[in-house]
C-alpha cells in the first residue's frame, strides 16, 4: 500500500507541475503568465497576471508538499482549492475534457482528497516525523478550507458569467 501511495503522490505532483509550469513559464505548450492572465481576465479574475501567479505558486507549493509527503494534507488542500476554481471556470463546458470540460481538474481534486484521507504512506516526510494529519476528520477540514479559500474566486466567476448573459 505504501508504494501505491508514493506512486499516487508523485504522479499527482508531476501532473500538477506541468499544470503550474504551463501557466507560470509557458512550458509544455502553455500560455505563460501574460497570455494566461488574459484568459483569467476574460473569465472575470482580475488582475489576471496576479491571479495566474497566485494560482501557479499555490500549485507549486502544494505539489512540493504532496511529492515529499510533508504536511501532505495541507499540500493536498492547496491543490484542491486551485482545482475547485478550475472546475468553476470550466463548468459551463460540462465534464468531458475533450470538450473543454473540467474532467482533469475534477480528477486531480479527487486524488488530492484521497491523499487527505489515506495519508502519504510510509515513504514520506510525515511518516519520518511521526505526523498523523490524515483520515476523514482531517480530510473534511481540508475540503472545507479548500472550498472556503476558493469561494471568492468561484463567486467572481459565476457572477461575471451571469453578467455577460
C-alpha atoms as a PDB file:
ATOM      1  CA  UNK A   1       0.000   0.000   0.000  1.00  0.00           C
ATOM      2  CA  UNK A   2       2.804   2.431   0.835  1.00  0.00           C
ATOM      3  CA  UNK A   3       4.300   2.010  -2.632  1.00  0.00           C
ATOM      4  CA  UNK A   4       0.911   2.772  -4.202  1.00  0.00           C
ATOM      5  CA  UNK A   5       0.541   5.946  -2.128  1.00  0.00           C
ATOM      6  CA  UNK A   6       4.051   7.051  -3.117  1.00  0.00           C
ATOM      7  CA  UNK A   7       3.208   6.472  -6.779  1.00  0.00           C
ATOM      8  CA  UNK A   8      -0.084   8.346  -6.429  1.00  0.00           C
ATOM      9  CA  UNK A   9       1.614  11.313  -4.695  1.00  0.00           C
ATOM     10  CA  UNK A  10       4.407  11.516  -7.253  1.00  0.00           C
ATOM     11  CA  UNK A  11       2.049  11.169 -10.213  1.00  0.00           C
ATOM     12  CA  UNK A  12      -0.256  13.919  -8.939  1.00  0.00           C
ATOM     13  CA  UNK A  13       2.730  16.156  -8.187  1.00  0.00           C
ATOM     14  CA  UNK A  14       4.241  15.590 -11.639  1.00  0.00           C
ATOM     15  CA  UNK A  15       0.969  16.320 -13.419  1.00  0.00           C
ATOM     16  CA  UNK A  16       0.331  19.388 -11.272  1.00  0.00           C
ATOM     17  CA  UNK A  17       3.874  20.572 -12.000  1.00  0.00           C
ATOM     18  CA  UNK A  18       3.038  20.518 -15.696  1.00  0.00           C
ATOM     19  CA  UNK A  19      -0.217  22.323 -14.962  1.00  0.00           C
ATOM     20  CA  UNK A  20       1.576  25.069 -12.988  1.00  0.00           C
ATOM     21  CA  UNK A  21       4.504  25.309 -15.413  1.00  0.00           C
ATOM     22  CA  UNK A  22       2.140  25.928 -18.327  1.00  0.00           C
ATOM     23  CA  UNK A  23       0.757  28.963 -16.513  1.00  0.00           C
ATOM     24  CA  UNK A  24       3.935  30.303 -14.979  1.00  0.00           C
ATOM     25  CA  UNK A  25       6.625  29.514 -17.536  1.00  0.00           C
ATOM     26  CA  UNK A  26       4.805  28.688 -20.770  1.00  0.00           C
ATOM     27  CA  UNK A  27       6.321  25.196 -20.684  1.00  0.00           C
ATOM     28  CA  UNK A  28       4.559  22.130 -22.124  1.00  0.00           C
ATOM     29  CA  UNK A  29       2.805  24.265 -24.782  1.00  0.00           C
ATOM     30  CA  UNK A  30       1.393  26.519 -22.066  1.00  0.00           C
ATOM     31  CA  UNK A  31       0.487  30.186 -22.318  1.00  0.00           C
ATOM     32  CA  UNK A  32       2.767  31.685 -19.682  1.00  0.00           C
ATOM     33  CA  UNK A  33       1.774  34.417 -17.258  1.00  0.00           C
ATOM     34  CA  UNK A  34       0.851  37.152 -19.760  1.00  0.00           C
ATOM     35  CA  UNK A  35      -1.364  35.121 -22.063  1.00  0.00           C
ATOM     36  CA  UNK A  36      -2.838  33.085 -19.233  1.00  0.00           C
ATOM     37  CA  UNK A  37      -3.504  36.346 -17.415  1.00  0.00           C
ATOM     38  CA  UNK A  38      -5.604  37.448 -20.381  1.00  0.00           C
ATOM     39  CA  UNK A  39      -7.590  34.219 -20.118  1.00  0.00           C
ATOM     40  CA  UNK A  40      -8.134  34.779 -16.397  1.00  0.00           C
ATOM     41  CA  UNK A  41      -9.278  38.364 -17.084  1.00  0.00           C
ATOM     42  CA  UNK A  42     -11.712  37.118 -19.742  1.00  0.00           C
ATOM     43  CA  UNK A  43     -13.274  34.977 -17.006  1.00  0.00           C
ATOM     44  CA  UNK A  44     -13.527  37.942 -14.626  1.00  0.00           C
ATOM     45  CA  UNK A  45     -10.494  37.068 -12.497  1.00  0.00           C
ATOM     46  CA  UNK A  46      -8.660  40.384 -12.215  1.00  0.00           C
ATOM     47  CA  UNK A  47      -5.891  41.359 -12.213  1.00  0.00           C
ATOM     48  CA  UNK A  48      -5.202  38.390 -14.461  1.00  0.00           C
ATOM     49  CA  UNK A  49      -1.420  38.208 -14.159  1.00  0.00           C
ATOM     50  CA  UNK A  50      -1.556  38.403 -10.380  1.00  0.00           C
ATOM     51  CA  UNK A  51      -4.233  35.690 -10.283  1.00  0.00           C
ATOM     52  CA  UNK A  52      -2.071  33.460 -12.509  1.00  0.00           C
ATOM     53  CA  UNK A  53       0.921  33.968 -10.228  1.00  0.00           C
ATOM     54  CA  UNK A  54      -1.192  33.218  -7.159  1.00  0.00           C
ATOM     55  CA  UNK A  55      -2.631  30.046  -8.705  1.00  0.00           C
ATOM     56  CA  UNK A  56       0.710  28.857 -10.063  1.00  0.00           C
ATOM     57  CA  UNK A  57       2.639  29.434  -6.847  1.00  0.00           C
ATOM     58  CA  UNK A  58      -0.143  27.789  -4.800  1.00  0.00           C
ATOM     59  CA  UNK A  59       0.088  24.771  -7.100  1.00  0.00           C
ATOM     60  CA  UNK A  60       3.906  24.641  -6.886  1.00  0.00           C
ATOM     61  CA  UNK A  61       3.939  24.782  -3.089  1.00  0.00           C
ATOM     62  CA  UNK A  62       1.089  22.265  -2.861  1.00  0.00           C
ATOM     63  CA  UNK A  63       2.725  19.806  -5.220  1.00  0.00           C
ATOM     64  CA  UNK A  64       6.076  20.080  -3.410  1.00  0.00           C
ATOM     65  CA  UNK A  65       4.351  19.227  -0.124  1.00  0.00           C
ATOM     66  CA  UNK A  66       2.460  16.319  -1.710  1.00  0.00           C
ATOM     67  CA  UNK A  67       5.517  14.954  -3.552  1.00  0.00           C
ATOM     68  CA  UNK A  68       7.672  14.985  -0.420  1.00  0.00           C
ATOM     69  CA  UNK A  69       4.879  13.767   1.796  1.00  0.00           C
ATOM     70  CA  UNK A  70       5.478  16.697   4.151  1.00  0.00           C
ATOM     71  CA  UNK A  71       2.297  18.225   5.574  1.00  0.00           C
ATOM     72  CA  UNK A  72       0.545  16.214   2.896  1.00  0.00           C
ATOM     73  CA  UNK A  73      -2.977  17.215   3.845  1.00  0.00           C
ATOM     74  CA  UNK A  74      -2.029  20.899   3.648  1.00  0.00           C
ATOM     75  CA  UNK A  75      -0.464  20.392   0.207  1.00  0.00           C
ATOM     76  CA  UNK A  76      -3.468  18.412  -0.999  1.00  0.00           C
ATOM     77  CA  UNK A  77      -5.759  21.152   0.331  1.00  0.00           C
ATOM     78  CA  UNK A  78      -3.850  23.746  -1.693  1.00  0.00           C
ATOM     79  CA  UNK A  79      -4.131  21.639  -4.836  1.00  0.00           C
ATOM     80  CA  UNK A  80      -7.819  21.001  -4.242  1.00  0.00           C
ATOM     81  CA  UNK A  81      -8.501  24.725  -3.836  1.00  0.00           C
ATOM     82  CA  UNK A  82      -6.945  25.528  -7.211  1.00  0.00           C
ATOM     83  CA  UNK A  83      -8.829  22.665  -8.827  1.00  0.00           C
ATOM     84  CA  UNK A  84     -12.140  23.931  -7.418  1.00  0.00           C
ATOM     85  CA  UNK A  85     -11.528  27.258  -9.162  1.00  0.00           C
ATOM     86  CA  UNK A  86     -10.561  25.415 -12.359  1.00  0.00           C
ATOM     87  CA  UNK A  87     -13.755  23.352 -12.178  1.00  0.00           C
ATOM     88  CA  UNK A  88     -15.822  26.500 -11.677  1.00  0.00           C
ATOM     89  CA  UNK A  89     -14.159  28.181 -14.662  1.00  0.00           C
ATOM     90  CA  UNK A  90     -14.780  25.187 -16.926  1.00  0.00           C
ATOM     91  CA  UNK A  91     -18.190  24.230 -15.530  1.00  0.00           C
ATOM     92  CA  UNK A  92     -20.255  25.600 -18.447  1.00  0.00           C
ATOM     93  CA  UNK A  93     -18.393  23.251 -20.811  1.00  0.00           C
ATOM     94  CA  UNK A  94     -19.546  20.128 -18.976  1.00  0.00           C
ATOM     95  CA  UNK A  95     -17.468  17.288 -17.589  1.00  0.00           C
ATOM     96  CA  UNK A  96     -15.528  15.910 -20.546  1.00  0.00           C
ATOM     97  CA  UNK A  97     -12.047  17.297 -21.122  1.00  0.00           C
ATOM     98  CA  UNK A  98     -12.049  16.858 -24.894  1.00  0.00           C
ATOM     99  CA  UNK A  99     -14.971  19.313 -24.978  1.00  0.00           C
ATOM    100  CA  UNK A 100     -13.187  21.855 -22.773  1.00  0.00           C
ATOM    101  CA  UNK A 101     -14.705  20.478 -19.585  1.00  0.00           C
ATOM    102  CA  UNK A 102     -13.484  20.034 -16.041  1.00  0.00           C
ATOM    103  CA  UNK A 103     -12.668  16.304 -16.160  1.00  0.00           C
ATOM    104  CA  UNK A 104      -8.928  16.761 -15.461  1.00  0.00           C
ATOM    105  CA  UNK A 105      -9.420  19.283 -12.649  1.00  0.00           C
ATOM    106  CA  UNK A 106     -12.021  17.006 -11.054  1.00  0.00           C
ATOM    107  CA  UNK A 107      -9.673  14.023 -11.258  1.00  0.00           C
ATOM    108  CA  UNK A 108      -6.767  15.939  -9.689  1.00  0.00           C
ATOM    109  CA  UNK A 109      -9.075  17.250  -6.969  1.00  0.00           C
ATOM    110  CA  UNK A 110     -10.383  13.784  -6.163  1.00  0.00           C
ATOM    111  CA  UNK A 111      -6.837  12.411  -5.946  1.00  0.00           C
ATOM    112  CA  UNK A 112      -5.996  15.219  -3.519  1.00  0.00           C
ATOM    113  CA  UNK A 113      -8.977  14.218  -1.363  1.00  0.00           C
ATOM    114  CA  UNK A 114      -7.918  10.556  -1.429  1.00  0.00           C
ATOM    115  CA  UNK A 115      -4.468  11.592  -0.167  1.00  0.00           C
ATOM    116  CA  UNK A 116      -6.052  13.640   2.626  1.00  0.00           C
ATOM    117  CA  UNK A 117      -7.980  10.558   3.737  1.00  0.00           C
ATOM    118  CA  UNK A 118      -5.254   7.953   3.279  1.00  0.00           C
ATOM    119  CA  UNK A 119      -2.246   9.994   4.290  1.00  0.00           C
ATOM    120  CA  UNK A 120       1.040   9.894   2.402  1.00  0.00           C
ATOM    121  CA  UNK A 121       2.165   6.403   3.422  1.00  0.00           C
ATOM    122  CA  UNK A 122       5.422   5.227   4.947  1.00  0.00           C
ATOM    123  CA  UNK A 123       7.634   6.750   2.251  1.00  0.00           C
ATOM    124  CA  UNK A 124       7.098  10.338   3.321  1.00  0.00           C
ATOM    125  CA  UNK A 125       8.489  13.092   5.492  1.00  0.00           C
ATOM    126  CA  UNK A 126       5.253  12.989   7.505  1.00  0.00           C
ATOM    127  CA  UNK A 127       5.902   9.337   8.402  1.00  0.00           C
ATOM    128  CA  UNK A 128       9.538  10.081   9.203  1.00  0.00           C
ATOM    129  CA  UNK A 129       8.480  12.864  11.590  1.00  0.00           C
ATOM    130  CA  UNK A 130       5.557  10.895  13.031  1.00  0.00           C
ATOM    131  CA  UNK A 131       2.914  13.333  11.731  1.00  0.00           C
ATOM    132  CA  UNK A 132      -0.619  11.932  11.561  1.00  0.00           C
ATOM    133  CA  UNK A 133      -2.635  14.574   9.721  1.00  0.00           C
ATOM    134  CA  UNK A 134      -4.873  12.278   7.689  1.00  0.00           C
ATOM    135  CA  UNK A 135      -8.167  10.466   7.947  1.00  0.00           C
ATOM    136  CA  UNK A 136     -11.766  11.522   7.482  1.00  0.00           C
ATOM    137  CA  UNK A 137     -11.615  14.358  10.020  1.00  0.00           C
ATOM    138  CA  UNK A 138      -8.505  15.923   8.519  1.00  0.00           C
ATOM    139  CA  UNK A 139      -9.901  15.407   5.013  1.00  0.00           C
ATOM    140  CA  UNK A 140     -13.164  17.104   5.967  1.00  0.00           C
ATOM    141  CA  UNK A 141     -11.176  20.040   7.358  1.00  0.00           C
ATOM    142  CA  UNK A 142      -9.010  20.192   4.234  1.00  0.00           C
ATOM    143  CA  UNK A 143     -12.024  20.081   1.931  1.00  0.00           C
ATOM    144  CA  UNK A 144     -13.732  22.824   3.946  1.00  0.00           C
ATOM    145  CA  UNK A 145     -10.625  25.040   3.837  1.00  0.00           C
ATOM    146  CA  UNK A 146     -10.249  24.451   0.084  1.00  0.00           C
ATOM    147  CA  UNK A 147     -13.883  25.384  -0.560  1.00  0.00           C
ATOM    148  CA  UNK A 148     -13.784  28.433   1.700  1.00  0.00           C
ATOM    149  CA  UNK A 149     -10.458  29.553   0.231  1.00  0.00           C
ATOM    150  CA  UNK A 150     -11.688  29.205  -3.328  1.00  0.00           C
ATOM    151  CA  UNK A 151     -15.089  30.754  -2.649  1.00  0.00           C
ATOM    152  CA  UNK A 152     -14.236  34.377  -3.543  1.00  0.00           C
ATOM    153  CA  UNK A 153     -12.876  33.342  -6.938  1.00  0.00           C
ATOM    154  CA  UNK A 154     -15.665  30.892  -7.741  1.00  0.00           C
ATOM    155  CA  UNK A 155     -18.276  33.514  -6.826  1.00  0.00           C
ATOM    156  CA  UNK A 156     -16.460  36.005  -9.067  1.00  0.00           C
ATOM    157  CA  UNK A 157     -16.502  33.501 -11.939  1.00  0.00           C
ATOM    158  CA  UNK A 158     -20.223  32.813 -11.638  1.00  0.00           C
ATOM    159  CA  UNK A 159     -21.162  36.497 -11.189  1.00  0.00           C
ATOM    160  CA  UNK A 160     -19.040  37.528 -14.184  1.00  0.00           C
ATOM    161  CA  UNK A 161     -20.578  34.774 -16.309  1.00  0.00           C
ATOM    162  CA  UNK A 162     -24.095  35.782 -15.270  1.00  0.00           C
ATOM    163  CA  UNK A 163     -23.391  39.483 -16.001  1.00  0.00           C
ATOM    164  CA  UNK A 164     -22.237  38.577 -19.534  1.00  0.00           C
ATOM    165  CA  UNK A 165     -25.538  36.808 -20.311  1.00  0.00           C
END
